[in-house]
Amino acid sequence: MVQDDKCRAVQGTWYSEYDGKTLAASGQVDIDHMVPLAAGWRAGADLWDTAKRKAFANDLEHSQLIAVSAASNRSKGDQTPDLWKPPLRSYWCTYSRAWIDVKHDYELNVTEAEKTALGDMLDTCDS
């Protein structure tokens, strides 16, 4: 990967876990919030102070940020797993586990529809 003087990745290849695409241009890559900020807001983040919202939006320690194709990120928008799943079914197990991890770490609410969808995705896990 090649970086510019501001440490931005400007050349290289990236693999998008959501759709299995290998991307050759930085403009094809988005950084996705596993739990979208708007979905987090609807699940309890509206009660947080500014510092906690910033930590959630910029969390590099948990499963919250992932580089994916811009196309898959835009199709996801701010939807929860009951409304959107990664096109690459083989990633459903990892995706659902990461979603649950983020929701748990930040003590965010889970709707019944979301819980059902996550359960279906967890059923794709080998163990």
C-alpha atoms as a PDB file:
ATOM      1  CA  MET A   1       0.000   0.000   0.000  1.00  0.00           C
ATOM      2  CA  VAL A   2       1.239   3.485  -0.853  1.00  0.00           C
ATOM      3  CA  GLN A   3       0.496   6.419   1.456  1.00  0.00           C
ATOM      4  CA  ASP A   4       0.628  10.147   0.821  1.00  0.00           C
ATOM      5  CA  ASP A   5       2.299  12.700   3.118  1.00  0.00           C
ATOM      6  CA  LYS A   6      -0.814  12.695   5.352  1.00  0.00           C
ATOM      7  CA  CYS A   7      -0.699   8.869   5.791  1.00  0.00           C
ATOM      8  CA  ARG A   8      -3.751   8.364   3.579  1.00  0.00           C
ATOM      9  CA  ALA A   9      -3.777   5.161   1.555  1.00  0.00           C
ATOM     10  CA  VAL A  10      -3.672   6.247  -2.060  1.00  0.00           C
ATOM     11  CA  GLN A  11      -2.597   3.083  -3.858  1.00  0.00           C
ATOM     12  CA  GLY A  12      -2.848  -0.618  -3.187  1.00  0.00           C
ATOM     13  CA  THR A  13      -5.475  -3.327  -3.054  1.00  0.00           C
ATOM     14  CA  TRP A  14      -8.200  -3.896  -0.491  1.00  0.00           C
ATOM     15  CA  TYR A  15     -10.473  -6.890   0.036  1.00  0.00           C
ATOM     16  CA  SER A  16     -14.121  -6.205   0.849  1.00  0.00           C
ATOM     17  CA  GLU A  17     -15.450  -8.850   3.251  1.00  0.00           C
ATOM     18  CA  TYR A  18     -19.061  -7.869   2.554  1.00  0.00           C
ATOM     19  CA  ASP A  19     -19.070  -8.804  -1.119  1.00  0.00           C
ATOM     20  CA  GLY A  20     -15.768 -10.588  -1.759  1.00  0.00           C
ATOM     21  CA  LYS A  21     -14.441  -7.932  -4.125  1.00  0.00           C
ATOM     22  CA  THR A  22     -10.791  -6.994  -4.427  1.00  0.00           C
ATOM     23  CA  LEU A  23     -10.556  -3.242  -4.932  1.00  0.00           C
ATOM     24  CA  ALA A  24      -7.671  -1.547  -6.703  1.00  0.00           C
ATOM     25  CA  ALA A  25      -8.539   2.125  -6.181  1.00  0.00           C
ATOM     26  CA  SER A  26      -8.902   3.932  -2.854  1.00  0.00           C
ATOM     27  CA  GLY A  27     -12.052   5.608  -4.190  1.00  0.00           C
ATOM     28  CA  GLN A  28     -13.744   2.195  -4.297  1.00  0.00           C
ATOM     29  CA  VAL A  29     -13.235   1.702  -0.550  1.00  0.00           C
ATOM     30  CA  ASP A  30     -15.382   2.982   2.314  1.00  0.00           C
ATOM     31  CA  ILE A  31     -14.854   2.580   6.026  1.00  0.00           C
ATOM     32  CA  ASP A  32     -18.083   1.145   7.369  1.00  0.00           C
ATOM     33  CA  HIS A  33     -19.374   1.366  10.921  1.00  0.00           C
ATOM     34  CA  MET A  34     -20.401  -2.209  11.670  1.00  0.00           C
ATOM     35  CA  VAL A  35     -23.300  -0.802  13.693  1.00  0.00           C
ATOM     36  CA  PRO A  36     -24.185   2.330  11.724  1.00  0.00           C
ATOM     37  CA  LEU A  37     -24.169   5.552  13.723  1.00  0.00           C
ATOM     38  CA  ALA A  38     -27.883   6.150  13.058  1.00  0.00           C
ATOM     39  CA  ALA A  39     -28.722   2.582  14.108  1.00  0.00           C
ATOM     40  CA  GLY A  40     -26.677   3.101  17.264  1.00  0.00           C
ATOM     41  CA  TRP A  41     -28.566   6.321  17.934  1.00  0.00           C
ATOM     42  CA  ARG A  42     -31.898   4.481  17.647  1.00  0.00           C
ATOM     43  CA  ALA A  43     -30.572   1.727  19.947  1.00  0.00           C
ATOM     44  CA  GLY A  44     -29.549   3.945  22.850  1.00  0.00           C
ATOM     45  CA  ALA A  45     -26.649   6.158  21.767  1.00  0.00           C
ATOM     46  CA  ASP A  46     -29.011   9.130  21.841  1.00  0.00           C
ATOM     47  CA  LEU A  47     -28.622   9.026  25.628  1.00  0.00           C
ATOM     48  CA  TRP A  48     -24.802   9.187  25.548  1.00  0.00           C
ATOM     49  CA  ASP A  49     -22.611  12.197  26.089  1.00  0.00           C
ATOM     50  CA  THR A  50     -20.494  13.571  23.250  1.00  0.00           C
ATOM     51  CA  ALA A  51     -17.319  11.801  24.378  1.00  0.00           C
ATOM     52  CA  LYS A  52     -18.956   8.351  24.268  1.00  0.00           C
ATOM     53  CA  ARG A  53     -20.524   9.045  20.854  1.00  0.00           C
ATOM     54  CA  LYS A  54     -17.096  10.070  19.504  1.00  0.00           C
ATOM     55  CA  ALA A  55     -15.527   6.912  20.947  1.00  0.00           C
ATOM     56  CA  PHE A  56     -18.219   4.779  19.274  1.00  0.00           C
ATOM     57  CA  ALA A  57     -17.794   6.537  15.921  1.00  0.00           C
ATOM     58  CA  ASN A  58     -14.002   6.151  15.925  1.00  0.00           C
ATOM     59  CA  ASP A  59     -13.527   2.805  17.706  1.00  0.00           C
ATOM     60  CA  LEU A  60     -10.466   1.000  16.379  1.00  0.00           C
ATOM     61  CA  GLU A  61     -10.278  -1.530  19.234  1.00  0.00           C
ATOM     62  CA  HIS A  62     -13.515  -3.432  18.721  1.00  0.00           C
ATOM     63  CA  SER A  63     -15.238  -4.695  15.580  1.00  0.00           C
ATOM     64  CA  GLN A  64     -16.835  -1.329  14.793  1.00  0.00           C
ATOM     65  CA  LEU A  65     -14.851  -0.148  11.735  1.00  0.00           C
ATOM     66  CA  ILE A  66     -14.167  -2.181   8.591  1.00  0.00           C
ATOM     67  CA  ALA A  67     -12.911  -1.338   5.102  1.00  0.00           C
ATOM     68  CA  VAL A  68     -15.405  -2.550   2.485  1.00  0.00           C
ATOM     69  CA  SER A  69     -16.438  -1.714  -1.047  1.00  0.00           C
ATOM     70  CA  ALA A  70     -18.149   1.643  -1.341  1.00  0.00           C
ATOM     71  CA  ALA A  71     -20.973  -0.081  -3.205  1.00  0.00           C
ATOM     72  CA  SER A  72     -21.706  -2.532  -0.376  1.00  0.00           C
ATOM     73  CA  ASN A  73     -21.435   0.158   2.286  1.00  0.00           C
ATOM     74  CA  ARG A  74     -23.874   2.388   0.428  1.00  0.00           C
ATOM     75  CA  SER A  75     -26.340  -0.438  -0.070  1.00  0.00           C
ATOM     76  CA  LYS A  76     -26.197  -1.101   3.681  1.00  0.00           C
ATOM     77  CA  GLY A  77     -26.725   2.514   4.683  1.00  0.00           C
ATOM     78  CA  ASP A  78     -27.919   2.679   8.283  1.00  0.00           C
ATOM     79  CA  GLN A  79     -29.798  -0.621   8.153  1.00  0.00           C
ATOM     80  CA  THR A  80     -29.766  -3.339  10.779  1.00  0.00           C
ATOM     81  CA  PRO A  81     -29.304  -7.072   9.986  1.00  0.00           C
ATOM     82  CA  ASP A  82     -33.051  -7.644   9.645  1.00  0.00           C
ATOM     83  CA  LEU A  83     -33.008  -5.233   6.688  1.00  0.00           C
ATOM     84  CA  TRP A  84     -29.520  -5.821   5.211  1.00  0.00           C
ATOM     85  CA  LYS A  85     -27.021  -8.668   5.205  1.00  0.00           C
ATOM     86  CA  PRO A  86     -23.653  -8.824   3.450  1.00  0.00           C
ATOM     87  CA  PRO A  87     -24.078 -10.177  -0.086  1.00  0.00           C
ATOM     88  CA  LEU A  88     -21.283 -12.677   0.628  1.00  0.00           C
ATOM     89  CA  ARG A  89     -23.142 -15.302   2.670  1.00  0.00           C
ATOM     90  CA  SER A  90     -19.878 -16.879   3.835  1.00  0.00           C
ATOM     91  CA  TYR A  91     -19.256 -13.674   5.838  1.00  0.00           C
ATOM     92  CA  TRP A  92     -22.574 -13.817   7.715  1.00  0.00           C
ATOM     93  CA  CYS A  93     -21.114 -15.658  10.704  1.00  0.00           C
ATOM     94  CA  THR A  94     -18.319 -13.134  11.208  1.00  0.00           C
ATOM     95  CA  TYR A  95     -20.654 -10.206  10.523  1.00  0.00           C
ATOM     96  CA  SER A  96     -23.267 -11.315  13.062  1.00  0.00           C
ATOM     97  CA  ARG A  97     -20.617 -11.989  15.719  1.00  0.00           C
ATOM     98  CA  ALA A  98     -19.050  -8.558  15.133  1.00  0.00           C
ATOM     99  CA  TRP A  99     -22.477  -6.862  15.264  1.00  0.00           C
ATOM    100  CA  ILE A 100     -23.295  -8.604  18.542  1.00  0.00           C
ATOM    101  CA  ASP A 101     -19.867  -7.718  19.954  1.00  0.00           C
ATOM    102  CA  VAL A 102     -20.328  -4.020  19.210  1.00  0.00           C
ATOM    103  CA  LYS A 103     -23.892  -3.955  20.553  1.00  0.00           C
ATOM    104  CA  HIS A 104     -22.728  -5.750  23.713  1.00  0.00           C
ATOM    105  CA  ASP A 105     -19.641  -3.583  24.260  1.00  0.00           C
ATOM    106  CA  TYR A 106     -21.700  -0.401  23.985  1.00  0.00           C
ATOM    107  CA  GLU A 107     -24.783  -1.793  25.759  1.00  0.00           C
ATOM    108  CA  LEU A 108     -27.037  -0.955  22.822  1.00  0.00           C
ATOM    109  CA  ASN A 109     -30.570  -2.309  22.476  1.00  0.00           C
ATOM    110  CA  VAL A 110     -31.436  -5.091  20.024  1.00  0.00           C
ATOM    111  CA  THR A 111     -34.889  -5.319  18.434  1.00  0.00           C
ATOM    112  CA  GLU A 112     -36.700  -8.646  18.088  1.00  0.00           C
ATOM    113  CA  ALA A 113     -36.391  -8.504  14.288  1.00  0.00           C
ATOM    114  CA  GLU A 114     -32.668  -7.806  14.594  1.00  0.00           C
ATOM    115  CA  LYS A 115     -32.270 -10.665  17.087  1.00  0.00           C
ATOM    116  CA  THR A 116     -34.037 -13.093  14.739  1.00  0.00           C
ATOM    117  CA  ALA A 117     -31.878 -12.036  11.775  1.00  0.00           C
ATOM    118  CA  LEU A 118     -28.704 -12.344  13.841  1.00  0.00           C
ATOM    119  CA  GLY A 119     -29.761 -15.826  14.956  1.00  0.00           C
ATOM    120  CA  ASP A 120     -30.271 -16.873  11.335  1.00  0.00           C
ATOM    121  CA  MET A 121     -26.838 -15.516  10.465  1.00  0.00           C
ATOM    122  CA  LEU A 122     -25.241 -17.271  13.450  1.00  0.00           C
ATOM    123  CA  ASP A 123     -26.716 -20.520  12.127  1.00  0.00           C
ATOM    124  CA  THR A 124     -24.195 -20.246   9.259  1.00  0.00           C
ATOM    125  CA  CYS A 125     -21.284 -20.611  11.702  1.00  0.00           C
ATOM    126  CA  ASP A 126     -19.455 -23.946  11.678  1.00  0.00           C
ATOM    127  CA  SER A 127     -19.190 -24.112  15.464  1.00  0.00           C
END
